[in-house]
Amino acid sequence: MNRSWFRLAAALALTVAFAPSAFAQDDDDASLKLAEPDFNLMALPTALRLPARGSAFRVTHRFLRPLADGDFGDLAGDLFGLDNGAQIGLEYRVGLMKNTQVGLHRTNDKDLMLFTQYGLVRQGQLPVDVSILASIDGTNNFKDSYSPSLGVILSRTVGDVAAVYVEPMWVNNTNILPKDLTDDNDTIIVGLGARVRFLPTAYLALEYAPRVGYAPGDDHISVGLEKRVGGHSFQLNFSNSYGTTRRQLALGGSESWYLGFQIARKFF
């Protein structure tokens, strides 16, 4: 009898000691994360992991007409910016292995960004999820100026309702002037973001990106309304900039606001 009680107590102790780590490691990356349904907010990435051999595609579309130009009649006459030009981005990412994804994002001004993301620690092992980012932007189809970046995503989900993000990033070579002519050639971005699920398949997304170092223009800010339909995500957003790469994010925005949308699709 004493030996049976000892075995039961030992089994319970081992279960308590190793349960948090085990549950964190058994997380299924292919399952839907209700609080974190997509790999991006607007310009800022999220900590969502891509399963090995899975992939995802995104189209970003930012109309170039400032919403405050002219009166309401002018804006309506331009169909709220739809009649004007746009900056369009195409993005594709793949899961190389568990916790590791790579991808590319190209905008129609010929800015090409190659990026990778590694999920270092899952929430449950620590109070927050920790991911590491690295990317490099190249202008003129990756032929001219190059802007490497490094960053970290610290995120926390709150049940199935919300996810919050703090994303410090360093972006090099953001100033168009040669390095030997300027003291400010780097930009430090502290991305702040959140996504809140207010209906079963509808979300409000927010992001703000204050900067230090070389920081022209106004800090980027964006808000979006999102609808999830199966593996698709449709978002309507408003932003003071139309950049979607790390270098473009470092360059900031303006005092004007722009209408945009994005469509994302998962393949897993």
C-alpha atoms as a PDB file:
ATOM      1  CA  MET A   1       0.000   0.000   0.000  1.00  0.00           C
ATOM      2  CA  ASN A   2       2.745   2.496   0.926  1.00  0.00           C
ATOM      3  CA  ARG A   3       4.605   1.646  -2.257  1.00  0.00           C
ATOM      4  CA  SER A   4       1.452   2.280  -4.350  1.00  0.00           C
ATOM      5  CA  TRP A   5       0.919   5.679  -2.725  1.00  0.00           C
ATOM      6  CA  PHE A   6       4.571   6.546  -3.381  1.00  0.00           C
ATOM      7  CA  ARG A   7       4.228   5.660  -7.060  1.00  0.00           C
ATOM      8  CA  LEU A   8       1.035   7.714  -7.386  1.00  0.00           C
ATOM      9  CA  ALA A   9       2.620  10.719  -5.658  1.00  0.00           C
ATOM     10  CA  ALA A  10       5.701  10.474  -7.880  1.00  0.00           C
ATOM     11  CA  ALA A  11       3.568  10.280 -11.014  1.00  0.00           C
ATOM     12  CA  LEU A  12       1.559  13.347  -9.938  1.00  0.00           C
ATOM     13  CA  ALA A  13       4.743  15.295  -9.165  1.00  0.00           C
ATOM     14  CA  LEU A  14       6.222  14.507 -12.575  1.00  0.00           C
ATOM     15  CA  THR A  15       2.970  15.501 -14.300  1.00  0.00           C
ATOM     16  CA  VAL A  16       2.860  18.867 -12.532  1.00  0.00           C
ATOM     17  CA  ALA A  17       6.550  19.537 -13.162  1.00  0.00           C
ATOM     18  CA  PHE A  18       6.533  18.794 -16.883  1.00  0.00           C
ATOM     19  CA  ALA A  19       2.979  19.652 -17.966  1.00  0.00           C
ATOM     20  CA  PRO A  20       3.525  23.340 -18.909  1.00  0.00           C
ATOM     21  CA  SER A  21       6.558  22.532 -21.052  1.00  0.00           C
ATOM     22  CA  ALA A  22       4.883  19.543 -22.665  1.00  0.00           C
ATOM     23  CA  PHE A  23       1.723  21.429 -23.529  1.00  0.00           C
ATOM     24  CA  ALA A  24       3.783  24.276 -25.011  1.00  0.00           C
ATOM     25  CA  GLN A  25       5.848  21.920 -27.161  1.00  0.00           C
ATOM     26  CA  ASP A  26       2.759  20.003 -28.423  1.00  0.00           C
ATOM     27  CA  ASP A  27       1.127  23.137 -29.860  1.00  0.00           C
ATOM     28  CA  ASP A  28      -0.248  22.371 -33.332  1.00  0.00           C
ATOM     29  CA  ASP A  29       0.905  25.098 -35.742  1.00  0.00           C
ATOM     30  CA  ALA A  30      -1.634  23.984 -38.355  1.00  0.00           C
ATOM     31  CA  SER A  31      -4.625  24.593 -36.086  1.00  0.00           C
ATOM     32  CA  LEU A  32      -6.560  27.868 -36.184  1.00  0.00           C
ATOM     33  CA  LYS A  33      -5.482  30.408 -33.562  1.00  0.00           C
ATOM     34  CA  LEU A  34      -8.623  32.456 -32.991  1.00  0.00           C
ATOM     35  CA  ALA A  35      -6.781  35.352 -31.327  1.00  0.00           C
ATOM     36  CA  GLU A  36      -3.984  35.324 -33.942  1.00  0.00           C
ATOM     37  CA  PRO A  37      -5.479  34.291 -37.285  1.00  0.00           C
ATOM     38  CA  ASP A  38      -2.894  35.797 -39.651  1.00  0.00           C
ATOM     39  CA  PHE A  39       0.829  36.462 -40.113  1.00  0.00           C
ATOM     40  CA  ASN A  40       0.507  40.262 -40.265  1.00  0.00           C
ATOM     41  CA  LEU A  41      -1.465  43.102 -38.759  1.00  0.00           C
ATOM     42  CA  MET A  42      -1.010  45.712 -41.505  1.00  0.00           C
ATOM     43  CA  ALA A  43       2.686  46.567 -41.920  1.00  0.00           C
ATOM     44  CA  LEU A  44       3.778  44.785 -38.729  1.00  0.00           C
ATOM     45  CA  PRO A  45       4.229  40.996 -38.594  1.00  0.00           C
ATOM     46  CA  THR A  46       2.666  38.781 -35.940  1.00  0.00           C
ATOM     47  CA  ALA A  47       4.135  35.819 -34.071  1.00  0.00           C
ATOM     48  CA  LEU A  48       1.924  33.246 -35.821  1.00  0.00           C
ATOM     49  CA  ARG A  49       3.952  30.173 -36.722  1.00  0.00           C
ATOM     50  CA  LEU A  50       3.747  28.539 -40.128  1.00  0.00           C
ATOM     51  CA  PRO A  51       3.738  24.724 -40.067  1.00  0.00           C
ATOM     52  CA  ALA A  52       6.524  22.901 -41.869  1.00  0.00           C
ATOM     53  CA  ARG A  53       5.806  22.664 -45.611  1.00  0.00           C
ATOM     54  CA  GLY A  54       2.853  25.011 -45.245  1.00  0.00           C
ATOM     55  CA  SER A  55       2.635  28.314 -47.082  1.00  0.00           C
ATOM     56  CA  ALA A  56       0.689  31.563 -47.142  1.00  0.00           C
ATOM     57  CA  PHE A  57       0.039  34.305 -49.693  1.00  0.00           C
ATOM     58  CA  ARG A  58      -0.906  37.979 -49.194  1.00  0.00           C
ATOM     59  CA  VAL A  59      -1.858  40.874 -51.442  1.00  0.00           C
ATOM     60  CA  THR A  60      -1.525  44.394 -50.019  1.00  0.00           C
ATOM     61  CA  HIS A  61      -3.174  47.360 -51.720  1.00  0.00           C
ATOM     62  CA  ARG A  62      -2.694  50.971 -50.560  1.00  0.00           C
ATOM     63  CA  PHE A  63      -4.423  53.722 -52.539  1.00  0.00           C
ATOM     64  CA  LEU A  64      -2.215  56.774 -53.042  1.00  0.00           C
ATOM     65  CA  ARG A  65      -4.933  59.434 -52.828  1.00  0.00           C
ATOM     66  CA  PRO A  66      -4.913  61.232 -49.453  1.00  0.00           C
ATOM     67  CA  LEU A  67      -8.404  61.007 -47.969  1.00  0.00           C
ATOM     68  CA  ALA A  68      -8.280  64.611 -46.738  1.00  0.00           C
ATOM     69  CA  ASP A  69      -7.618  66.156 -50.172  1.00  0.00           C
ATOM     70  CA  GLY A  70     -10.603  68.194 -51.334  1.00  0.00           C
ATOM     71  CA  ASP A  71     -14.123  68.043 -49.927  1.00  0.00           C
ATOM     72  CA  PHE A  72     -16.416  65.049 -49.551  1.00  0.00           C
ATOM     73  CA  GLY A  73     -17.704  65.499 -53.084  1.00  0.00           C
ATOM     74  CA  ASP A  74     -14.176  65.295 -54.501  1.00  0.00           C
ATOM     75  CA  LEU A  75     -13.478  62.207 -52.436  1.00  0.00           C
ATOM     76  CA  ALA A  76     -16.721  60.534 -53.473  1.00  0.00           C
ATOM     77  CA  GLY A  77     -16.044  61.491 -57.094  1.00  0.00           C
ATOM     78  CA  ASP A  78     -12.775  59.564 -56.903  1.00  0.00           C
ATOM     79  CA  LEU A  79     -14.668  56.672 -55.273  1.00  0.00           C
ATOM     80  CA  PHE A  80     -12.735  57.299 -52.036  1.00  0.00           C
ATOM     81  CA  GLY A  81      -9.402  56.769 -53.749  1.00  0.00           C
ATOM     82  CA  LEU A  82     -10.248  53.738 -55.883  1.00  0.00           C
ATOM     83  CA  ASP A  83      -9.903  55.784 -59.092  1.00  0.00           C
ATOM     84  CA  ASN A  84      -6.334  56.728 -58.258  1.00  0.00           C
ATOM     85  CA  GLY A  85      -3.083  54.794 -58.338  1.00  0.00           C
ATOM     86  CA  ALA A  86      -2.043  52.377 -55.625  1.00  0.00           C
ATOM     87  CA  GLN A  87       1.006  50.740 -54.122  1.00  0.00           C
ATOM     88  CA  ILE A  88       0.491  47.008 -54.405  1.00  0.00           C
ATOM     89  CA  GLY A  89       2.480  44.311 -52.651  1.00  0.00           C
ATOM     90  CA  LEU A  90       2.661  40.558 -53.222  1.00  0.00           C
ATOM     91  CA  GLU A  91       3.933  38.320 -50.424  1.00  0.00           C
ATOM     92  CA  TYR A  92       4.569  34.593 -50.221  1.00  0.00           C
ATOM     93  CA  ARG A  93       5.995  32.654 -47.271  1.00  0.00           C
ATOM     94  CA  VAL A  94       6.762  28.982 -46.661  1.00  0.00           C
ATOM     95  CA  GLY A  95       7.488  26.910 -43.573  1.00  0.00           C
ATOM     96  CA  LEU A  96      10.977  25.449 -43.899  1.00  0.00           C
ATOM     97  CA  MET A  97      10.693  23.459 -40.692  1.00  0.00           C
ATOM     98  CA  LYS A  98       8.917  23.707 -37.367  1.00  0.00           C
ATOM     99  CA  ASN A  99       9.130  27.273 -35.995  1.00  0.00           C
ATOM    100  CA  THR A 100      10.988  28.546 -39.102  1.00  0.00           C
ATOM    101  CA  GLN A 101       9.494  30.429 -42.039  1.00  0.00           C
ATOM    102  CA  VAL A 102      10.971  32.388 -44.936  1.00  0.00           C
ATOM    103  CA  GLY A 103       9.364  34.579 -47.559  1.00  0.00           C
ATOM    104  CA  LEU A 104       9.506  37.502 -49.932  1.00  0.00           C
ATOM    105  CA  HIS A 105       7.441  40.646 -50.317  1.00  0.00           C
ATOM    106  CA  ARG A 106       7.578  42.819 -53.446  1.00  0.00           C
ATOM    107  CA  THR A 107       5.837  46.151 -54.004  1.00  0.00           C
ATOM    108  CA  ASN A 108       5.139  47.700 -57.401  1.00  0.00           C
ATOM    109  CA  ASP A 109       7.718  50.433 -56.806  1.00  0.00           C
ATOM    110  CA  LYS A 110      10.230  47.576 -57.272  1.00  0.00           C
ATOM    111  CA  ASP A 111      11.143  47.291 -53.584  1.00  0.00           C
ATOM    112  CA  LEU A 112      11.846  43.633 -52.776  1.00  0.00           C
ATOM    113  CA  MET A 113      12.121  42.339 -49.205  1.00  0.00           C
ATOM    114  CA  LEU A 114      13.447  38.890 -48.284  1.00  0.00           C
ATOM    115  CA  PHE A 115      12.614  37.844 -44.730  1.00  0.00           C
ATOM    116  CA  THR A 116      12.819  35.018 -42.235  1.00  0.00           C
ATOM    117  CA  GLN A 117      11.208  34.461 -38.862  1.00  0.00           C
ATOM    118  CA  TYR A 118      12.011  31.943 -36.137  1.00  0.00           C
ATOM    119  CA  GLY A 119       9.696  31.143 -33.216  1.00  0.00           C
ATOM    120  CA  LEU A 120      12.090  30.946 -30.274  1.00  0.00           C
ATOM    121  CA  VAL A 121       9.822  30.543 -27.223  1.00  0.00           C
ATOM    122  CA  ARG A 122       6.123  29.802 -26.977  1.00  0.00           C
ATOM    123  CA  GLN A 123       3.721  31.440 -24.582  1.00  0.00           C
ATOM    124  CA  GLY A 124       3.350  28.963 -21.739  1.00  0.00           C
ATOM    125  CA  GLN A 125       7.084  28.437 -21.421  1.00  0.00           C
ATOM    126  CA  LEU A 126       7.259  32.179 -20.681  1.00  0.00           C
ATOM    127  CA  PRO A 127       4.458  34.712 -20.127  1.00  0.00           C
ATOM    128  CA  VAL A 128       5.050  35.887 -23.721  1.00  0.00           C
ATOM    129  CA  ASP A 129       5.801  34.347 -27.105  1.00  0.00           C
ATOM    130  CA  VAL A 130       9.218  35.320 -28.500  1.00  0.00           C
ATOM    131  CA  SER A 131      10.100  35.302 -32.208  1.00  0.00           C
ATOM    132  CA  ILE A 132      13.207  36.563 -34.011  1.00  0.00           C
ATOM    133  CA  LEU A 133      13.016  38.485 -37.305  1.00  0.00           C
ATOM    134  CA  ALA A 134      15.583  39.177 -39.998  1.00  0.00           C
ATOM    135  CA  SER A 135      15.091  40.753 -43.411  1.00  0.00           C
ATOM    136  CA  ILE A 136      16.769  42.711 -46.161  1.00  0.00           C
ATOM    137  CA  ASP A 137      15.134  45.212 -48.513  1.00  0.00           C
ATOM    138  CA  GLY A 138      16.557  45.895 -51.955  1.00  0.00           C
ATOM    139  CA  THR A 139      15.376  48.694 -54.231  1.00  0.00           C
ATOM    140  CA  ASN A 140      15.066  48.406 -58.029  1.00  0.00           C
ATOM    141  CA  ASN A 141      14.276  44.686 -57.840  1.00  0.00           C
ATOM    142  CA  PHE A 142      17.089  44.047 -55.371  1.00  0.00           C
ATOM    143  CA  LYS A 143      19.736  45.664 -57.594  1.00  0.00           C
ATOM    144  CA  ASP A 144      20.509  48.970 -55.857  1.00  0.00           C
ATOM    145  CA  SER A 145      20.254  50.112 -52.231  1.00  0.00           C
ATOM    146  CA  TYR A 146      20.036  47.448 -49.502  1.00  0.00           C
ATOM    147  CA  SER A 147      18.516  47.843 -46.026  1.00  0.00           C
ATOM    148  CA  PRO A 148      19.029  44.888 -43.657  1.00  0.00           C
ATOM    149  CA  SER A 149      16.990  44.641 -40.461  1.00  0.00           C
ATOM    150  CA  LEU A 150      16.852  42.601 -37.263  1.00  0.00           C
ATOM    151  CA  GLY A 151      14.052  42.477 -34.736  1.00  0.00           C
ATOM    152  CA  VAL A 152      12.145  40.622 -32.050  1.00  0.00           C
ATOM    153  CA  ILE A 153       8.412  40.015 -31.677  1.00  0.00           C
ATOM    154  CA  LEU A 154       7.158  39.834 -28.094  1.00  0.00           C
ATOM    155  CA  SER A 155       3.512  38.834 -28.091  1.00  0.00           C
ATOM    156  CA  ARG A 156       0.820  37.601 -25.772  1.00  0.00           C
ATOM    157  CA  THR A 157      -2.598  36.197 -26.584  1.00  0.00           C
ATOM    158  CA  VAL A 158      -5.505  36.694 -24.202  1.00  0.00           C
ATOM    159  CA  GLY A 159      -7.633  33.596 -24.555  1.00  0.00           C
ATOM    160  CA  ASP A 160      -9.342  33.494 -27.946  1.00  0.00           C
ATOM    161  CA  VAL A 161     -10.160  37.197 -27.843  1.00  0.00           C
ATOM    162  CA  ALA A 162      -7.031  39.311 -28.344  1.00  0.00           C
ATOM    163  CA  ALA A 163      -3.315  39.391 -29.125  1.00  0.00           C
ATOM    164  CA  VAL A 164      -0.904  42.221 -28.278  1.00  0.00           C
ATOM    165  CA  TYR A 165       2.565  42.851 -29.732  1.00  0.00           C
ATOM    166  CA  VAL A 166       5.749  44.756 -28.933  1.00  0.00           C
ATOM    167  CA  GLU A 167       8.273  44.601 -31.797  1.00  0.00           C
ATOM    168  CA  PRO A 168      11.630  46.387 -31.478  1.00  0.00           C
ATOM    169  CA  MET A 169      13.457  46.426 -34.824  1.00  0.00           C
ATOM    170  CA  TRP A 170      16.710  47.870 -36.173  1.00  0.00           C
ATOM    171  CA  VAL A 171      16.772  48.862 -39.846  1.00  0.00           C
ATOM    172  CA  ASN A 172      20.069  49.871 -41.476  1.00  0.00           C
ATOM    173  CA  ASN A 173      20.650  52.170 -44.457  1.00  0.00           C
ATOM    174  CA  THR A 174      17.303  53.957 -44.305  1.00  0.00           C
ATOM    175  CA  ASN A 175      18.768  57.373 -45.177  1.00  0.00           C
ATOM    176  CA  ILE A 176      19.181  57.898 -48.916  1.00  0.00           C
ATOM    177  CA  LEU A 177      22.308  59.997 -48.276  1.00  0.00           C
ATOM    178  CA  PRO A 178      25.657  58.136 -48.239  1.00  0.00           C
ATOM    179  CA  LYS A 179      26.801  57.027 -44.804  1.00  0.00           C
ATOM    180  CA  ASP A 180      29.902  59.239 -44.922  1.00  0.00           C
ATOM    181  CA  LEU A 181      27.680  62.336 -45.325  1.00  0.00           C
ATOM    182  CA  THR A 182      25.232  61.755 -42.484  1.00  0.00           C
ATOM    183  CA  ASP A 183      25.259  60.667 -38.843  1.00  0.00           C
ATOM    184  CA  ASP A 184      21.764  59.134 -39.050  1.00  0.00           C
ATOM    185  CA  ASN A 185      21.775  56.071 -41.269  1.00  0.00           C
ATOM    186  CA  ASP A 186      19.906  53.680 -38.971  1.00  0.00           C
ATOM    187  CA  THR A 187      16.329  53.607 -37.713  1.00  0.00           C
ATOM    188  CA  ILE A 188      15.095  51.904 -34.545  1.00  0.00           C
ATOM    189  CA  ILE A 189      11.396  51.021 -34.705  1.00  0.00           C
ATOM    190  CA  VAL A 190       9.332  49.961 -31.698  1.00  0.00           C
ATOM    191  CA  GLY A 191       6.250  48.447 -33.274  1.00  0.00           C
ATOM    192  CA  LEU A 192       3.162  48.292 -31.059  1.00  0.00           C
ATOM    193  CA  GLY A 193       0.136  46.334 -32.206  1.00  0.00           C
ATOM    194  CA  ALA A 194      -3.031  44.537 -31.202  1.00  0.00           C
ATOM    195  CA  ARG A 195      -5.796  42.471 -32.756  1.00  0.00           C
ATOM    196  CA  VAL A 196      -9.150  42.079 -30.986  1.00  0.00           C
ATOM    197  CA  ARG A 197     -11.856  39.590 -31.991  1.00  0.00           C
ATOM    198  CA  PHE A 198     -15.224  41.306 -31.415  1.00  0.00           C
ATOM    199  CA  LEU A 199     -17.361  38.832 -33.383  1.00  0.00           C
ATOM    200  CA  PRO A 200     -16.731  35.108 -34.029  1.00  0.00           C
ATOM    201  CA  THR A 201     -14.955  35.840 -37.354  1.00  0.00           C
ATOM    202  CA  ALA A 202     -14.420  39.629 -37.216  1.00  0.00           C
ATOM    203  CA  TYR A 203     -11.451  41.572 -35.822  1.00  0.00           C
ATOM    204  CA  LEU A 204     -10.197  45.074 -35.127  1.00  0.00           C
ATOM    205  CA  ALA A 205      -6.458  45.501 -35.806  1.00  0.00           C
ATOM    206  CA  LEU A 206      -4.290  48.402 -34.610  1.00  0.00           C
ATOM    207  CA  GLU A 207      -0.608  49.247 -35.015  1.00  0.00           C
ATOM    208  CA  TYR A 208       1.731  52.112 -34.217  1.00  0.00           C
ATOM    209  CA  ALA A 209       5.451  52.336 -35.023  1.00  0.00           C
ATOM    210  CA  PRO A 210       7.376  55.090 -33.175  1.00  0.00           C
ATOM    211  CA  ARG A 211      11.011  55.490 -34.266  1.00  0.00           C
ATOM    212  CA  VAL A 212      14.360  56.874 -33.157  1.00  0.00           C
ATOM    213  CA  GLY A 213      17.462  57.594 -35.211  1.00  0.00           C
ATOM    214  CA  TYR A 214      16.741  58.520 -38.805  1.00  0.00           C
ATOM    215  CA  ALA A 215      12.983  59.156 -38.637  1.00  0.00           C
ATOM    216  CA  PRO A 216      11.618  61.349 -41.430  1.00  0.00           C
ATOM    217  CA  GLY A 217       7.926  62.132 -41.608  1.00  0.00           C
ATOM    218  CA  ASP A 218       5.373  61.037 -39.023  1.00  0.00           C
ATOM    219  CA  ASP A 219       5.384  57.721 -37.189  1.00  0.00           C
ATOM    220  CA  HIS A 220       3.332  55.061 -38.946  1.00  0.00           C
ATOM    221  CA  ILE A 221      -0.127  54.338 -37.555  1.00  0.00           C
ATOM    222  CA  SER A 222      -2.833  52.127 -38.988  1.00  0.00           C
ATOM    223  CA  VAL A 223      -6.221  50.670 -38.080  1.00  0.00           C
ATOM    224  CA  GLY A 224      -8.064  47.870 -39.857  1.00  0.00           C
ATOM    225  CA  LEU A 225     -11.307  45.902 -39.833  1.00  0.00           C
ATOM    226  CA  GLU A 226     -10.876  42.237 -40.713  1.00  0.00           C
ATOM    227  CA  LYS A 227     -13.091  39.316 -41.684  1.00  0.00           C
ATOM    228  CA  ARG A 228     -11.913  35.703 -41.569  1.00  0.00           C
ATOM    229  CA  VAL A 229     -13.545  33.196 -43.926  1.00  0.00           C
ATOM    230  CA  GLY A 230     -11.990  29.752 -43.628  1.00  0.00           C
ATOM    231  CA  GLY A 231      -8.353  30.051 -44.690  1.00  0.00           C
ATOM    232  CA  HIS A 232      -8.927  33.537 -46.123  1.00  0.00           C
ATOM    233  CA  SER A 233      -8.620  36.875 -44.366  1.00  0.00           C
ATOM    234  CA  PHE A 234     -10.027  40.115 -45.809  1.00  0.00           C
ATOM    235  CA  GLN A 235      -9.044  43.460 -44.297  1.00  0.00           C
ATOM    236  CA  LEU A 236     -10.021  47.085 -44.925  1.00  0.00           C
ATOM    237  CA  ASN A 237      -7.528  49.517 -43.386  1.00  0.00           C
ATOM    238  CA  PHE A 238      -6.725  53.183 -42.952  1.00  0.00           C
ATOM    239  CA  SER A 239      -3.154  54.396 -42.519  1.00  0.00           C
ATOM    240  CA  ASN A 240      -1.002  57.502 -42.636  1.00  0.00           C
ATOM    241  CA  SER A 241       1.461  55.660 -44.902  1.00  0.00           C
ATOM    242  CA  TYR A 242       1.337  53.023 -47.604  1.00  0.00           C
ATOM    243  CA  GLY A 243       4.592  51.229 -46.851  1.00  0.00           C
ATOM    244  CA  THR A 244       4.583  47.487 -46.195  1.00  0.00           C
ATOM    245  CA  THR A 245       8.294  46.537 -46.083  1.00  0.00           C
ATOM    246  CA  ARG A 246      10.666  47.151 -43.136  1.00  0.00           C
ATOM    247  CA  ARG A 247      12.506  49.941 -44.975  1.00  0.00           C
ATOM    248  CA  GLN A 248       9.241  51.606 -45.966  1.00  0.00           C
ATOM    249  CA  LEU A 249       8.000  51.339 -42.388  1.00  0.00           C
ATOM    250  CA  ALA A 250      11.202  53.020 -41.150  1.00  0.00           C
ATOM    251  CA  LEU A 251      10.580  55.947 -43.504  1.00  0.00           C
ATOM    252  CA  GLY A 252       7.343  56.733 -41.679  1.00  0.00           C
ATOM    253  CA  GLY A 253       4.195  58.363 -42.947  1.00  0.00           C
ATOM    254  CA  SER A 254       2.586  61.754 -43.416  1.00  0.00           C
ATOM    255  CA  GLU A 255      -0.185  63.901 -41.981  1.00  0.00           C
ATOM    256  CA  SER A 256      -2.601  62.413 -44.540  1.00  0.00           C
ATOM    257  CA  TRP A 257      -4.580  59.181 -44.305  1.00  0.00           C
ATOM    258  CA  TYR A 258      -4.957  56.565 -47.022  1.00  0.00           C
ATOM    259  CA  LEU A 259      -7.460  53.824 -47.713  1.00  0.00           C
ATOM    260  CA  GLY A 260      -6.173  50.312 -48.231  1.00  0.00           C
ATOM    261  CA  PHE A 261      -7.011  46.644 -48.102  1.00  0.00           C
ATOM    262  CA  GLN A 262      -5.276  43.294 -47.999  1.00  0.00           C
ATOM    263  CA  ILE A 263      -6.252  39.723 -48.745  1.00  0.00           C
ATOM    264  CA  ALA A 264      -4.432  36.747 -47.213  1.00  0.00           C
ATOM    265  CA  ARG A 265      -4.721  33.013 -47.845  1.00  0.00           C
ATOM    266  CA  LYS A 266      -3.225  30.072 -45.960  1.00  0.00           C
ATOM    267  CA  PHE A 267      -2.280  26.809 -47.666  1.00  0.00           C
ATOM    268  CA  PHE A 268      -2.224  24.212 -44.891  1.00  0.00           C
END
